[in-house]
Amino acid sequence: MDVTGGLRLRHAQSTDYLRVLAVMDSWWGGRHMSARLSHVFFSHFESTSFVIETETELMGFLLVEGQGGAATPPAGVSTVSRARVL
């Protein structure tokens, strides 16, 4: 789904796991958060999880564990996209 400003929202895919791992720690100011992220969200909960991206860059993600969701779903927003209105 094309959203505003050249951003695209779509369901997460298993191939997004490595993309998120590559940026996750820097998005959290260097904290080692990637160790807490399970591949399960990307392989089993694709229909309830999302990424937002431009043509070249991952801008954010929201991973939700099935219908009803997890108590605290993993989510992240690029430091670049924080300056934009999503």
C-alpha atoms as a PDB file:
ATOM      1  CA  MET A   1       0.000   0.000   0.000  1.00  0.00           C
ATOM      2  CA  ASP A   2       1.419   3.356  -0.993  1.00  0.00           C
ATOM      3  CA  VAL A   3       1.134   5.889   1.806  1.00  0.00           C
ATOM      4  CA  THR A   4       2.166   9.519   1.704  1.00  0.00           C
ATOM      5  CA  GLY A   5       5.557  10.938   0.728  1.00  0.00           C
ATOM      6  CA  GLY A   6       6.889   7.951  -1.167  1.00  0.00           C
ATOM      7  CA  LEU A   7       6.460   5.585   1.780  1.00  0.00           C
ATOM      8  CA  ARG A   8       5.126   2.092   1.256  1.00  0.00           C
ATOM      9  CA  LEU A   9       3.401   0.033   3.964  1.00  0.00           C
ATOM     10  CA  ARG A  10       3.293  -3.725   3.515  1.00  0.00           C
ATOM     11  CA  HIS A  11       3.159  -6.955   5.488  1.00  0.00           C
ATOM     12  CA  ALA A  12       6.477  -8.114   6.889  1.00  0.00           C
ATOM     13  CA  GLN A  13       8.144 -11.045   5.142  1.00  0.00           C
ATOM     14  CA  SER A  14      10.725 -13.535   6.392  1.00  0.00           C
ATOM     15  CA  THR A  15      13.327 -11.783   4.217  1.00  0.00           C
ATOM     16  CA  ASP A  16      12.845  -8.583   6.274  1.00  0.00           C
ATOM     17  CA  TYR A  17      14.369 -10.169   9.376  1.00  0.00           C
ATOM     18  CA  LEU A  18      17.973  -9.482   8.357  1.00  0.00           C
ATOM     19  CA  ARG A  19      17.078  -5.952   7.195  1.00  0.00           C
ATOM     20  CA  VAL A  20      15.635  -5.147  10.616  1.00  0.00           C
ATOM     21  CA  LEU A  21      18.567  -6.741  12.467  1.00  0.00           C
ATOM     22  CA  ALA A  22      20.980  -4.600  10.470  1.00  0.00           C
ATOM     23  CA  VAL A  23      19.483  -1.338  11.777  1.00  0.00           C
ATOM     24  CA  MET A  24      17.764  -2.236  15.010  1.00  0.00           C
ATOM     25  CA  ASP A  25      20.578  -1.519  17.479  1.00  0.00           C
ATOM     26  CA  SER A  26      21.353   1.863  15.924  1.00  0.00           C
ATOM     27  CA  TRP A  27      17.662   2.822  16.060  1.00  0.00           C
ATOM     28  CA  TRP A  28      17.784   2.221  19.820  1.00  0.00           C
ATOM     29  CA  GLY A  29      20.845   4.406  20.332  1.00  0.00           C
ATOM     30  CA  GLY A  30      23.365   1.563  20.309  1.00  0.00           C
ATOM     31  CA  ARG A  31      21.543  -0.615  22.832  1.00  0.00           C
ATOM     32  CA  HIS A  32      21.823  -4.302  21.920  1.00  0.00           C
ATOM     33  CA  MET A  33      18.131  -4.857  21.122  1.00  0.00           C
ATOM     34  CA  SER A  34      18.554  -7.160  18.121  1.00  0.00           C
ATOM     35  CA  ALA A  35      19.205 -10.114  20.456  1.00  0.00           C
ATOM     36  CA  ARG A  36      15.599  -9.775  21.637  1.00  0.00           C
ATOM     37  CA  LEU A  37      14.099 -10.031  18.159  1.00  0.00           C
ATOM     38  CA  SER A  38      12.903 -13.448  17.078  1.00  0.00           C
ATOM     39  CA  HIS A  39      12.702 -14.613  13.474  1.00  0.00           C
ATOM     40  CA  VAL A  40       9.299 -16.082  14.419  1.00  0.00           C
ATOM     41  CA  PHE A  41       7.609 -12.693  13.940  1.00  0.00           C
ATOM     42  CA  PHE A  42       8.808 -12.605  10.346  1.00  0.00           C
ATOM     43  CA  SER A  43       8.068 -16.209   9.442  1.00  0.00           C
ATOM     44  CA  HIS A  44       4.837 -16.979  11.335  1.00  0.00           C
ATOM     45  CA  PHE A  45       3.084 -13.636  11.840  1.00  0.00           C
ATOM     46  CA  GLU A  46       3.466 -12.049   8.398  1.00  0.00           C
ATOM     47  CA  SER A  47      -0.238 -11.282   8.131  1.00  0.00           C
ATOM     48  CA  THR A  48      -0.267  -9.212  11.346  1.00  0.00           C
ATOM     49  CA  SER A  49       3.173  -7.580  11.062  1.00  0.00           C
ATOM     50  CA  PHE A  50       4.189  -4.607   8.922  1.00  0.00           C
ATOM     51  CA  VAL A  51       7.154  -2.700   7.540  1.00  0.00           C
ATOM     52  CA  ILE A  52       7.199   0.790   6.118  1.00  0.00           C
ATOM     53  CA  GLU A  53       9.860   1.663   3.575  1.00  0.00           C
ATOM     54  CA  THR A  54      10.942   3.880   0.742  1.00  0.00           C
ATOM     55  CA  GLU A  55      12.305   2.399  -2.479  1.00  0.00           C
ATOM     56  CA  THR A  56      15.745   2.137  -0.880  1.00  0.00           C
ATOM     57  CA  GLU A  57      15.388   2.248   2.913  1.00  0.00           C
ATOM     58  CA  LEU A  58      13.562   0.534   5.738  1.00  0.00           C
ATOM     59  CA  MET A  59      11.820   3.272   7.735  1.00  0.00           C
ATOM     60  CA  GLY A  60       9.980   1.333  10.432  1.00  0.00           C
ATOM     61  CA  PHE A  61       8.323  -1.895  11.491  1.00  0.00           C
ATOM     62  CA  LEU A  62       5.585  -3.227  13.754  1.00  0.00           C
ATOM     63  CA  LEU A  63       5.529  -6.927  14.612  1.00  0.00           C
ATOM     64  CA  VAL A  64       2.345  -8.302  16.162  1.00  0.00           C
ATOM     65  CA  GLU A  65       1.888 -11.850  17.400  1.00  0.00           C
ATOM     66  CA  GLY A  66      -1.307 -13.022  15.700  1.00  0.00           C
ATOM     67  CA  GLN A  67      -4.816 -11.735  16.354  1.00  0.00           C
ATOM     68  CA  GLY A  68      -5.060  -9.865  19.609  1.00  0.00           C
ATOM     69  CA  GLY A  69      -1.325  -9.242  19.541  1.00  0.00           C
ATOM     70  CA  ALA A  70       1.476  -9.563  22.010  1.00  0.00           C
ATOM     71  CA  ALA A  71       1.498  -7.562  25.216  1.00  0.00           C
ATOM     72  CA  THR A  72       4.342  -5.389  23.926  1.00  0.00           C
ATOM     73  CA  PRO A  73       4.936  -5.959  20.218  1.00  0.00           C
ATOM     74  CA  PRO A  74       8.394  -5.179  18.838  1.00  0.00           C
ATOM     75  CA  ALA A  75       8.406  -1.953  16.859  1.00  0.00           C
ATOM     76  CA  GLY A  76      10.960   0.481  15.535  1.00  0.00           C
ATOM     77  CA  VAL A  77      11.270   3.704  13.586  1.00  0.00           C
ATOM     78  CA  SER A  78      14.317   4.871  11.691  1.00  0.00           C
ATOM     79  CA  THR A  79      16.099   7.894  13.120  1.00  0.00           C
ATOM     80  CA  VAL A  80      15.782   9.444   9.640  1.00  0.00           C
ATOM     81  CA  SER A  81      12.019   8.944   9.526  1.00  0.00           C
ATOM     82  CA  ARG A  82      11.493  10.494  12.973  1.00  0.00           C
ATOM     83  CA  ALA A  83      11.942  13.852  11.270  1.00  0.00           C
ATOM     84  CA  ARG A  84       9.138  13.006   8.831  1.00  0.00           C
ATOM     85  CA  VAL A  85       5.442  12.886   9.534  1.00  0.00           C
ATOM     86  CA  LEU A  86       4.288   9.276   9.111  1.00  0.00           C
END
